[in-house]
Amino acid sequence: MSMPADQSVKTADAKDAEKIVADFIRVRFRVRPEDDHFSHDVNLWEEGYVDSAGVVEMIAFLETTFNITLPEEVLFDPDFTYIRGIARLVGLQPPRATTP
């Protein structure tokens, strides 16, 4: 799944956000479709799905896709380790202000 950089999701409910995040991780980090361990509740870092370089890519993707800025404290929140938690945290962020 490749989204153009200028395409953003302004509003997405938690399930939509979960799917968007999961699809990005599956494609970008080459998670095989038959990987039964991959789920919305698996720790992405402990299980090796996303590494330290990958988290930078994921942050950029989330901020662009959802038109938000992720504050530093969100990045250290325990929920930021799994898809369901990331989607919840993304949903709590206000949209970035648009410039006129």
PDB file of N, CA and C in Angstrom:
ATOM      1  N   MET A   1       0.848  -1.174   0.000  1.00  0.00           N
ATOM      2  CA  MET A   1       0.000   0.000   0.000  1.00  0.00           C
ATOM      3  C   MET A   1       0.883   1.222   0.000  1.00  0.00           C
ATOM      4  N   SER A   2       0.817   2.004  -1.010  1.00  0.00           N
ATOM      5  CA  SER A   2       1.616   3.211  -1.095  1.00  0.00           C
ATOM      6  C   SER A   2       0.682   4.384  -1.255  1.00  0.00           C
ATOM      7  N   MET A   3       0.762   5.320  -0.308  1.00  0.00           N
ATOM      8  CA  MET A   3      -0.090   6.493  -0.362  1.00  0.00           C
ATOM      9  C   MET A   3       0.727   7.666  -0.839  1.00  0.00           C
ATOM     10  N   PRO A   4       0.187   8.475  -1.738  1.00  0.00           N
ATOM     11  CA  PRO A   4       0.905   9.670  -2.141  1.00  0.00           C
ATOM     12  C   PRO A   4       1.154  10.553  -0.925  1.00  0.00           C
ATOM     13  N   ALA A   5       2.274  11.259  -0.920  1.00  0.00           N
ATOM     14  CA  ALA A   5       2.650  12.080   0.230  1.00  0.00           C
ATOM     15  C   ALA A   5       1.628  13.158   0.530  1.00  0.00           C
ATOM     16  N   ASP A   6       0.922  13.648  -0.492  1.00  0.00           N
ATOM     17  CA  ASP A   6      -0.028  14.733  -0.258  1.00  0.00           C
ATOM     18  C   ASP A   6      -1.414  14.239   0.130  1.00  0.00           C
ATOM     19  N   GLN A   7      -1.611  12.941   0.161  1.00  0.00           N
ATOM     20  CA  GLN A   7      -2.911  12.393   0.545  1.00  0.00           C
ATOM     21  C   GLN A   7      -2.921  12.202   2.053  1.00  0.00           C
ATOM     22  N   SER A   8      -3.900  12.782   2.724  1.00  0.00           N
ATOM     23  CA  SER A   8      -3.974  12.607   4.167  1.00  0.00           C
ATOM     24  C   SER A   8      -5.372  12.171   4.555  1.00  0.00           C
ATOM     25  N   VAL A   9      -5.424  11.476   5.643  1.00  0.00           N
ATOM     26  CA  VAL A   9      -6.693  11.031   6.193  1.00  0.00           C
ATOM     27  C   VAL A   9      -7.037  12.022   7.290  1.00  0.00           C
ATOM     28  N   LYS A  10      -8.024  12.845   7.036  1.00  0.00           N
ATOM     29  CA  LYS A  10      -8.376  13.887   7.994  1.00  0.00           C
ATOM     30  C   LYS A  10      -9.090  13.308   9.210  1.00  0.00           C
ATOM     31  N   THR A  11     -10.019  12.409   8.966  1.00  0.00           N
ATOM     32  CA  THR A  11     -10.732  11.778  10.065  1.00  0.00           C
ATOM     33  C   THR A  11     -10.804  10.291   9.790  1.00  0.00           C
ATOM     34  N   ALA A  12     -10.491   9.547  10.795  1.00  0.00           N
ATOM     35  CA  ALA A  12     -10.572   8.091  10.660  1.00  0.00           C
ATOM     36  C   ALA A  12     -10.929   7.534  12.020  1.00  0.00           C
ATOM     37  N   ASP A  13     -11.881   6.635  12.033  1.00  0.00           N
ATOM     38  CA  ASP A  13     -12.178   6.032  13.322  1.00  0.00           C
ATOM     39  C   ASP A  13     -11.061   5.044  13.664  1.00  0.00           C
ATOM     40  N   ALA A  14     -11.093   4.511  14.847  1.00  0.00           N
ATOM     41  CA  ALA A  14     -10.002   3.667  15.335  1.00  0.00           C
ATOM     42  C   ALA A  14      -9.762   2.456  14.439  1.00  0.00           C
ATOM     43  N   LYS A  15     -10.826   1.815  13.976  1.00  0.00           N
ATOM     44  CA  LYS A  15     -10.654   0.630  13.120  1.00  0.00           C
ATOM     45  C   LYS A  15     -10.024   1.000  11.789  1.00  0.00           C
ATOM     46  N   ASP A  16     -10.446   2.130  11.214  1.00  0.00           N
ATOM     47  CA  ASP A  16      -9.830   2.591   9.968  1.00  0.00           C
ATOM     48  C   ASP A  16      -8.351   2.877  10.188  1.00  0.00           C
ATOM     49  N   ALA A  17      -8.049   3.561  11.281  1.00  0.00           N
ATOM     50  CA  ALA A  17      -6.657   3.898  11.583  1.00  0.00           C
ATOM     51  C   ALA A  17      -5.841   2.621  11.785  1.00  0.00           C
ATOM     52  N   GLU A  18      -6.404   1.655  12.481  1.00  0.00           N
ATOM     53  CA  GLU A  18      -5.704   0.379  12.682  1.00  0.00           C
ATOM     54  C   GLU A  18      -5.385  -0.280  11.352  1.00  0.00           C
ATOM     55  N   LYS A  19      -6.347  -0.304  10.458  1.00  0.00           N
ATOM     56  CA  LYS A  19      -6.127  -0.929   9.151  1.00  0.00           C
ATOM     57  C   LYS A  19      -5.057  -0.184   8.358  1.00  0.00           C
ATOM     58  N   ILE A  20      -5.108   1.134   8.379  1.00  0.00           N
ATOM     59  CA  ILE A  20      -4.129   1.940   7.651  1.00  0.00           C
ATOM     60  C   ILE A  20      -2.726   1.684   8.189  1.00  0.00           C
ATOM     61  N   VAL A  21      -2.580   1.668   9.513  1.00  0.00           N
ATOM     62  CA  VAL A  21      -1.275   1.422  10.134  1.00  0.00           C
ATOM     63  C   VAL A  21      -0.812  -0.002   9.836  1.00  0.00           C
ATOM     64  N   ALA A  22      -1.686  -0.978   9.993  1.00  0.00           N
ATOM     65  CA  ALA A  22      -1.318  -2.377   9.738  1.00  0.00           C
ATOM     66  C   ALA A  22      -0.909  -2.585   8.282  1.00  0.00           C
ATOM     67  N   ASP A  23      -1.661  -1.995   7.353  1.00  0.00           N
ATOM     68  CA  ASP A  23      -1.325  -2.137   5.935  1.00  0.00           C
ATOM     69  C   ASP A  23       0.035  -1.515   5.635  1.00  0.00           C
ATOM     70  N   PHE A  24       0.307  -0.350   6.207  1.00  0.00           N
ATOM     71  CA  PHE A  24       1.603   0.298   6.010  1.00  0.00           C
ATOM     72  C   PHE A  24       2.729  -0.600   6.515  1.00  0.00           C
ATOM     73  N   ILE A  25       2.576  -1.137   7.709  1.00  0.00           N
ATOM     74  CA  ILE A  25       3.620  -1.977   8.294  1.00  0.00           C
ATOM     75  C   ILE A  25       3.806  -3.244   7.468  1.00  0.00           C
ATOM     76  N   ARG A  26       2.721  -3.872   7.071  1.00  0.00           N
ATOM     77  CA  ARG A  26       2.828  -5.096   6.255  1.00  0.00           C
ATOM     78  C   ARG A  26       3.613  -4.844   4.966  1.00  0.00           C
ATOM     79  N   VAL A  27       3.290  -3.749   4.293  1.00  0.00           N
ATOM     80  CA  VAL A  27       3.946  -3.470   3.006  1.00  0.00           C
ATOM     81  C   VAL A  27       5.370  -2.961   3.215  1.00  0.00           C
ATOM     82  N   ARG A  28       5.534  -1.944   4.030  1.00  0.00           N
ATOM     83  CA  ARG A  28       6.835  -1.288   4.188  1.00  0.00           C
ATOM     84  C   ARG A  28       7.871  -2.200   4.817  1.00  0.00           C
ATOM     85  N   PHE A  29       7.451  -3.012   5.773  1.00  0.00           N
ATOM     86  CA  PHE A  29       8.400  -3.864   6.492  1.00  0.00           C
ATOM     87  C   PHE A  29       8.292  -5.322   6.090  1.00  0.00           C
ATOM     88  N   ARG A  30       7.618  -5.548   4.963  1.00  0.00           N
ATOM     89  CA  ARG A  30       7.552  -6.860   4.309  1.00  0.00           C
ATOM     90  C   ARG A  30       7.085  -7.988   5.235  1.00  0.00           C
ATOM     91  N   VAL A  31       5.953  -7.747   5.870  1.00  0.00           N
ATOM     92  CA  VAL A  31       5.360  -8.789   6.714  1.00  0.00           C
ATOM     93  C   VAL A  31       4.564  -9.715   5.794  1.00  0.00           C
ATOM     94  N   ARG A  32       4.916 -10.971   5.816  1.00  0.00           N
ATOM     95  CA  ARG A  32       4.263 -11.945   4.939  1.00  0.00           C
ATOM     96  C   ARG A  32       2.795 -12.130   5.314  1.00  0.00           C
ATOM     97  N   PRO A  33       1.915 -12.270   4.329  1.00  0.00           N
ATOM     98  CA  PRO A  33       0.495 -12.475   4.609  1.00  0.00           C
ATOM     99  C   PRO A  33       0.227 -13.715   5.464  1.00  0.00           C
ATOM    100  N   GLU A  34       1.071 -14.724   5.342  1.00  0.00           N
ATOM    101  CA  GLU A  34       0.860 -15.955   6.107  1.00  0.00           C
ATOM    102  C   GLU A  34       1.460 -15.889   7.516  1.00  0.00           C
ATOM    103  N   ASP A  35       1.986 -14.732   7.913  1.00  0.00           N
ATOM    104  CA  ASP A  35       2.546 -14.564   9.260  1.00  0.00           C
ATOM    105  C   ASP A  35       1.407 -14.457  10.263  1.00  0.00           C
ATOM    106  N   ASP A  36       1.091 -15.572  10.907  1.00  0.00           N
ATOM    107  CA  ASP A  36      -0.025 -15.626  11.850  1.00  0.00           C
ATOM    108  C   ASP A  36       0.267 -14.907  13.170  1.00  0.00           C
ATOM    109  N   HIS A  37       1.531 -14.635  13.443  1.00  0.00           N
ATOM    110  CA  HIS A  37       1.897 -13.965  14.692  1.00  0.00           C
ATOM    111  C   HIS A  37       1.620 -12.451  14.627  1.00  0.00           C
ATOM    112  N   PHE A  38       1.660 -11.900  13.420  1.00  0.00           N
ATOM    113  CA  PHE A  38       1.432 -10.467  13.243  1.00  0.00           C
ATOM    114  C   PHE A  38      -0.033 -10.158  13.542  1.00  0.00           C
ATOM    115  N   SER A  39      -0.251  -9.217  14.471  1.00  0.00           N
ATOM    116  CA  SER A  39      -1.614  -8.840  14.824  1.00  0.00           C
ATOM    117  C   SER A  39      -1.622  -7.385  15.277  1.00  0.00           C
ATOM    118  N   HIS A  40      -2.794  -6.883  15.555  1.00  0.00           N
ATOM    119  CA  HIS A  40      -2.934  -5.493  15.997  1.00  0.00           C
ATOM    120  C   HIS A  40      -2.492  -5.314  17.447  1.00  0.00           C
ATOM    121  N   ASP A  41      -2.203  -6.418  18.144  1.00  0.00           N
ATOM    122  CA  ASP A  41      -1.815  -6.349  19.548  1.00  0.00           C
ATOM    123  C   ASP A  41      -0.397  -6.848  19.821  1.00  0.00           C
ATOM    124  N   VAL A  42       0.347  -7.187  18.783  1.00  0.00           N
ATOM    125  CA  VAL A  42       1.711  -7.679  18.979  1.00  0.00           C
ATOM    126  C   VAL A  42       2.653  -6.480  19.159  1.00  0.00           C
ATOM    127  N   ASN A  43       3.664  -6.639  20.024  1.00  0.00           N
ATOM    128  CA  ASN A  43       4.654  -5.588  20.216  1.00  0.00           C
ATOM    129  C   ASN A  43       5.544  -5.556  18.973  1.00  0.00           C
ATOM    130  N   LEU A  44       5.429  -4.478  18.222  1.00  0.00           N
ATOM    131  CA  LEU A  44       6.106  -4.368  16.928  1.00  0.00           C
ATOM    132  C   LEU A  44       7.625  -4.349  17.056  1.00  0.00           C
ATOM    133  N   TRP A  45       8.134  -3.810  18.159  1.00  0.00           N
ATOM    134  CA  TRP A  45       9.571  -3.705  18.344  1.00  0.00           C
ATOM    135  C   TRP A  45      10.144  -4.978  18.927  1.00  0.00           C
ATOM    136  N   GLU A  46       9.536  -5.495  19.977  1.00  0.00           N
ATOM    137  CA  GLU A  46      10.042  -6.721  20.607  1.00  0.00           C
ATOM    138  C   GLU A  46      10.013  -7.905  19.651  1.00  0.00           C
ATOM    139  N   GLU A  47       9.020  -7.939  18.775  1.00  0.00           N
ATOM    140  CA  GLU A  47       8.890  -9.064  17.840  1.00  0.00           C
ATOM    141  C   GLU A  47       9.637  -8.830  16.527  1.00  0.00           C
ATOM    142  N   GLY A  48      10.296  -7.680  16.395  1.00  0.00           N
ATOM    143  CA  GLY A  48      11.154  -7.436  15.241  1.00  0.00           C
ATOM    144  C   GLY A  48      10.458  -6.985  13.970  1.00  0.00           C
ATOM    145  N   TYR A  49       9.201  -6.575  14.053  1.00  0.00           N
ATOM    146  CA  TYR A  49       8.509  -6.108  12.852  1.00  0.00           C
ATOM    147  C   TYR A  49       8.994  -4.720  12.428  1.00  0.00           C
ATOM    148  N   VAL A  50       9.319  -3.882  13.408  1.00  0.00           N
ATOM    149  CA  VAL A  50       9.793  -2.530  13.130  1.00  0.00           C
ATOM    150  C   VAL A  50      11.070  -2.312  13.944  1.00  0.00           C
ATOM    151  N   ASP A  51      12.114  -1.784  13.285  1.00  0.00           N
ATOM    152  CA  ASP A  51      13.356  -1.493  14.003  1.00  0.00           C
ATOM    153  C   ASP A  51      13.471   0.012  14.238  1.00  0.00           C
ATOM    154  N   SER A  52      14.585   0.445  14.802  1.00  0.00           N
ATOM    155  CA  SER A  52      14.732   1.858  15.166  1.00  0.00           C
ATOM    156  C   SER A  52      14.677   2.779  13.947  1.00  0.00           C
ATOM    157  N   ALA A  53      15.210   2.368  12.827  1.00  0.00           N
ATOM    158  CA  ALA A  53      15.112   3.180  11.609  1.00  0.00           C
ATOM    159  C   ALA A  53      13.669   3.176  11.097  1.00  0.00           C
ATOM    160  N   GLY A  54      13.009   2.056  11.239  1.00  0.00           N
ATOM    161  CA  GLY A  54      11.631   1.935  10.773  1.00  0.00           C
ATOM    162  C   GLY A  54      10.665   2.811  11.543  1.00  0.00           C
ATOM    163  N   VAL A  55      10.954   3.036  12.827  1.00  0.00           N
ATOM    164  CA  VAL A  55      10.052   3.875  13.616  1.00  0.00           C
ATOM    165  C   VAL A  55      10.071   5.308  13.085  1.00  0.00           C
ATOM    166  N   VAL A  56      11.211   5.758  12.591  1.00  0.00           N
ATOM    167  CA  VAL A  56      11.293   7.102  12.013  1.00  0.00           C
ATOM    168  C   VAL A  56      10.410   7.176  10.764  1.00  0.00           C
ATOM    169  N   GLU A  57      10.473   6.160   9.950  1.00  0.00           N
ATOM    170  CA  GLU A  57       9.615   6.100   8.761  1.00  0.00           C
ATOM    171  C   GLU A  57       8.139   6.069   9.154  1.00  0.00           C
ATOM    172  N   MET A  58       7.835   5.304  10.193  1.00  0.00           N
ATOM    173  CA  MET A  58       6.449   5.185  10.621  1.00  0.00           C
ATOM    174  C   MET A  58       5.923   6.507  11.168  1.00  0.00           C
ATOM    175  N   ILE A  59       6.737   7.219  11.921  1.00  0.00           N
ATOM    176  CA  ILE A  59       6.320   8.524  12.444  1.00  0.00           C
ATOM    177  C   ILE A  59       6.010   9.473  11.296  1.00  0.00           C
ATOM    178  N   ALA A  60       6.889   9.520  10.308  1.00  0.00           N
ATOM    179  CA  ALA A  60       6.661  10.391   9.145  1.00  0.00           C
ATOM    180  C   ALA A  60       5.370   9.995   8.427  1.00  0.00           C
ATOM    181  N   PHE A  61       5.159   8.694   8.262  1.00  0.00           N
ATOM    182  CA  PHE A  61       3.943   8.206   7.620  1.00  0.00           C
ATOM    183  C   PHE A  61       2.699   8.628   8.402  1.00  0.00           C
ATOM    184  N   LEU A  62       2.717   8.417   9.715  1.00  0.00           N
ATOM    185  CA  LEU A  62       1.560   8.754  10.544  1.00  0.00           C
ATOM    186  C   LEU A  62       1.259  10.250  10.489  1.00  0.00           C
ATOM    187  N   GLU A  63       2.287  11.065  10.612  1.00  0.00           N
ATOM    188  CA  GLU A  63       2.080  12.510  10.620  1.00  0.00           C
ATOM    189  C   GLU A  63       1.542  13.005   9.285  1.00  0.00           C
ATOM    190  N   THR A  64       2.041  12.462   8.197  1.00  0.00           N
ATOM    191  CA  THR A  64       1.573  12.859   6.874  1.00  0.00           C
ATOM    192  C   THR A  64       0.172  12.326   6.588  1.00  0.00           C
ATOM    193  N   THR A  65      -0.025  11.061   6.849  1.00  0.00           N
ATOM    194  CA  THR A  65      -1.294  10.409   6.528  1.00  0.00           C
ATOM    195  C   THR A  65      -2.459  10.966   7.332  1.00  0.00           C
ATOM    196  N   PHE A  66      -2.222  11.199   8.624  1.00  0.00           N
ATOM    197  CA  PHE A  66      -3.304  11.648   9.498  1.00  0.00           C
ATOM    198  C   PHE A  66      -3.291  13.152   9.762  1.00  0.00           C
ATOM    199  N   ASN A  67      -2.359  13.873   9.113  1.00  0.00           N
ATOM    200  CA  ASN A  67      -2.273  15.332   9.239  1.00  0.00           C
ATOM    201  C   ASN A  67      -2.146  15.762  10.704  1.00  0.00           C
ATOM    202  N   ILE A  68      -1.201  15.129  11.399  1.00  0.00           N
ATOM    203  CA  ILE A  68      -0.993  15.408  12.823  1.00  0.00           C
ATOM    204  C   ILE A  68       0.496  15.622  13.067  1.00  0.00           C
ATOM    205  N   THR A  69       0.803  16.093  14.256  1.00  0.00           N
ATOM    206  CA  THR A  69       2.178  16.119  14.751  1.00  0.00           C
ATOM    207  C   THR A  69       2.190  15.287  16.020  1.00  0.00           C
ATOM    208  N   LEU A  70       3.053  14.297  16.057  1.00  0.00           N
ATOM    209  CA  LEU A  70       3.129  13.427  17.231  1.00  0.00           C
ATOM    210  C   LEU A  70       4.087  14.040  18.248  1.00  0.00           C
ATOM    211  N   PRO A  71       3.573  14.417  19.413  1.00  0.00           N
ATOM    212  CA  PRO A  71       4.460  14.955  20.443  1.00  0.00           C
ATOM    213  C   PRO A  71       5.379  13.858  20.982  1.00  0.00           C
ATOM    214  N   GLU A  72       6.514  14.272  21.504  1.00  0.00           N
ATOM    215  CA  GLU A  72       7.520  13.324  21.975  1.00  0.00           C
ATOM    216  C   GLU A  72       6.975  12.342  23.012  1.00  0.00           C
ATOM    217  N   GLU A  73       6.111  12.811  23.888  1.00  0.00           N
ATOM    218  CA  GLU A  73       5.603  11.910  24.937  1.00  0.00           C
ATOM    219  C   GLU A  73       4.783  10.752  24.361  1.00  0.00           C
ATOM    220  N   VAL A  74       4.153  10.960  23.223  1.00  0.00           N
ATOM    221  CA  VAL A  74       3.394   9.884  22.573  1.00  0.00           C
ATOM    222  C   VAL A  74       4.348   8.780  22.118  1.00  0.00           C
ATOM    223  N   LEU A  75       5.520   9.165  21.647  1.00  0.00           N
ATOM    224  CA  LEU A  75       6.475   8.192  21.131  1.00  0.00           C
ATOM    225  C   LEU A  75       6.998   7.262  22.226  1.00  0.00           C
ATOM    226  N   PHE A  76       6.920   7.708  23.484  1.00  0.00           N
ATOM    227  CA  PHE A  76       7.380   6.892  24.602  1.00  0.00           C
ATOM    228  C   PHE A  76       6.232   6.238  25.363  1.00  0.00           C
ATOM    229  N   ASP A  77       5.020   6.442  24.892  1.00  0.00           N
ATOM    230  CA  ASP A  77       3.846   5.822  25.510  1.00  0.00           C
ATOM    231  C   ASP A  77       3.880   4.319  25.216  1.00  0.00           C
ATOM    232  N   PRO A  78       3.624   3.476  26.207  1.00  0.00           N
ATOM    233  CA  PRO A  78       3.619   2.023  25.969  1.00  0.00           C
ATOM    234  C   PRO A  78       2.661   1.597  24.853  1.00  0.00           C
ATOM    235  N   ASP A  79       1.595   2.361  24.627  1.00  0.00           N
ATOM    236  CA  ASP A  79       0.660   2.029  23.552  1.00  0.00           C
ATOM    237  C   ASP A  79       1.276   2.199  22.167  1.00  0.00           C
ATOM    238  N   PHE A  80       2.378   2.934  22.069  1.00  0.00           N
ATOM    239  CA  PHE A  80       3.002   3.170  20.764  1.00  0.00           C
ATOM    240  C   PHE A  80       3.797   1.959  20.279  1.00  0.00           C
ATOM    241  N   THR A  81       3.678   0.835  20.969  1.00  0.00           N
ATOM    242  CA  THR A  81       4.410  -0.364  20.568  1.00  0.00           C
ATOM    243  C   THR A  81       3.562  -1.348  19.763  1.00  0.00           C
ATOM    244  N   TYR A  82       2.266  -1.107  19.690  1.00  0.00           N
ATOM    245  CA  TYR A  82       1.409  -2.029  18.940  1.00  0.00           C
ATOM    246  C   TYR A  82       0.365  -1.246  18.131  1.00  0.00           C
ATOM    247  N   ILE A  83      -0.144  -1.871  17.089  1.00  0.00           N
ATOM    248  CA  ILE A  83      -1.006  -1.203  16.117  1.00  0.00           C
ATOM    249  C   ILE A  83      -2.254  -0.607  16.756  1.00  0.00           C
ATOM    250  N   ARG A  84      -2.944  -1.361  17.581  1.00  0.00           N
ATOM    251  CA  ARG A  84      -4.176  -0.855  18.197  1.00  0.00           C
ATOM    252  C   ARG A  84      -3.878   0.387  19.044  1.00  0.00           C
ATOM    253  N   GLY A  85      -2.774   0.370  19.776  1.00  0.00           N
ATOM    254  CA  GLY A  85      -2.379   1.500  20.604  1.00  0.00           C
ATOM    255  C   GLY A  85      -1.959   2.699  19.770  1.00  0.00           C
ATOM    256  N   ILE A  86      -1.219   2.454  18.697  1.00  0.00           N
ATOM    257  CA  ILE A  86      -0.802   3.542  17.806  1.00  0.00           C
ATOM    258  C   ILE A  86      -2.032   4.223  17.223  1.00  0.00           C
ATOM    259  N   ALA A  87      -3.002   3.435  16.781  1.00  0.00           N
ATOM    260  CA  ALA A  87      -4.233   3.999  16.214  1.00  0.00           C
ATOM    261  C   ALA A  87      -4.964   4.846  17.254  1.00  0.00           C
ATOM    262  N   ARG A  88      -5.002   4.376  18.498  1.00  0.00           N
ATOM    263  CA  ARG A  88      -5.661   5.136  19.563  1.00  0.00           C
ATOM    264  C   ARG A  88      -4.934   6.457  19.799  1.00  0.00           C
ATOM    265  N   LEU A  89      -3.606   6.406  19.881  1.00  0.00           N
ATOM    266  CA  LEU A  89      -2.824   7.613  20.120  1.00  0.00           C
ATOM    267  C   LEU A  89      -2.948   8.610  18.965  1.00  0.00           C
ATOM    268  N   VAL A  90      -2.969   8.095  17.748  1.00  0.00           N
ATOM    269  CA  VAL A  90      -3.147   8.958  16.575  1.00  0.00           C
ATOM    270  C   VAL A  90      -4.497   9.666  16.662  1.00  0.00           C
ATOM    271  N   GLY A  91      -5.527   8.931  17.060  1.00  0.00           N
ATOM    272  CA  GLY A  91      -6.867   9.505  17.159  1.00  0.00           C
ATOM    273  C   GLY A  91      -6.991  10.585  18.218  1.00  0.00           C
ATOM    274  N   LEU A  92      -6.091  10.607  19.188  1.00  0.00           N
ATOM    275  CA  LEU A  92      -6.131  11.609  20.252  1.00  0.00           C
ATOM    276  C   LEU A  92      -5.455  12.921  19.859  1.00  0.00           C
ATOM    277  N   GLN A  93      -4.705  12.906  18.750  1.00  0.00           N
ATOM    278  CA  GLN A  93      -3.961  14.092  18.347  1.00  0.00           C
ATOM    279  C   GLN A  93      -4.835  15.034  17.527  1.00  0.00           C
ATOM    280  N   PRO A  94      -4.750  16.332  17.810  1.00  0.00           N
ATOM    281  CA  PRO A  94      -5.515  17.289  17.002  1.00  0.00           C
ATOM    282  C   PRO A  94      -4.880  17.416  15.619  1.00  0.00           C
ATOM    283  N   PRO A  95      -5.696  17.722  14.622  1.00  0.00           N
ATOM    284  CA  PRO A  95      -5.115  17.922  13.282  1.00  0.00           C
ATOM    285  C   PRO A  95      -4.212  19.149  13.292  1.00  0.00           C
ATOM    286  N   ARG A  96      -3.193  19.108  12.416  1.00  0.00           N
ATOM    287  CA  ARG A  96      -2.322  20.261  12.283  1.00  0.00           C
ATOM    288  C   ARG A  96      -3.106  21.429  11.731  1.00  0.00           C
ATOM    289  N   ALA A  97      -2.760  22.586  12.160  1.00  0.00           N
ATOM    290  CA  ALA A  97      -3.404  23.800  11.635  1.00  0.00           C
ATOM    291  C   ALA A  97      -2.991  23.972  10.180  1.00  0.00           C
ATOM    292  N   THR A  98      -3.945  24.367   9.375  1.00  0.00           N
ATOM    293  CA  THR A  98      -3.660  24.619   7.977  1.00  0.00           C
ATOM    294  C   THR A  98      -3.294  26.085   7.811  1.00  0.00           C
ATOM    295  N   THR A  99      -2.378  26.355   6.933  1.00  0.00           N
ATOM    296  CA  THR A  99      -1.979  27.738   6.679  1.00  0.00           C
ATOM    297  C   THR A  99      -2.849  28.296   5.570  1.00  0.00           C
ATOM    298  N   PRO A 100      -3.303  29.530   5.763  1.00  0.00           N
ATOM    299  CA  PRO A 100      -4.201  30.119   4.738  1.00  0.00           C
ATOM    300  C   PRO A 100      -3.501  30.433   3.453  1.00  0.00           C
TER     301      PRO A 100
END
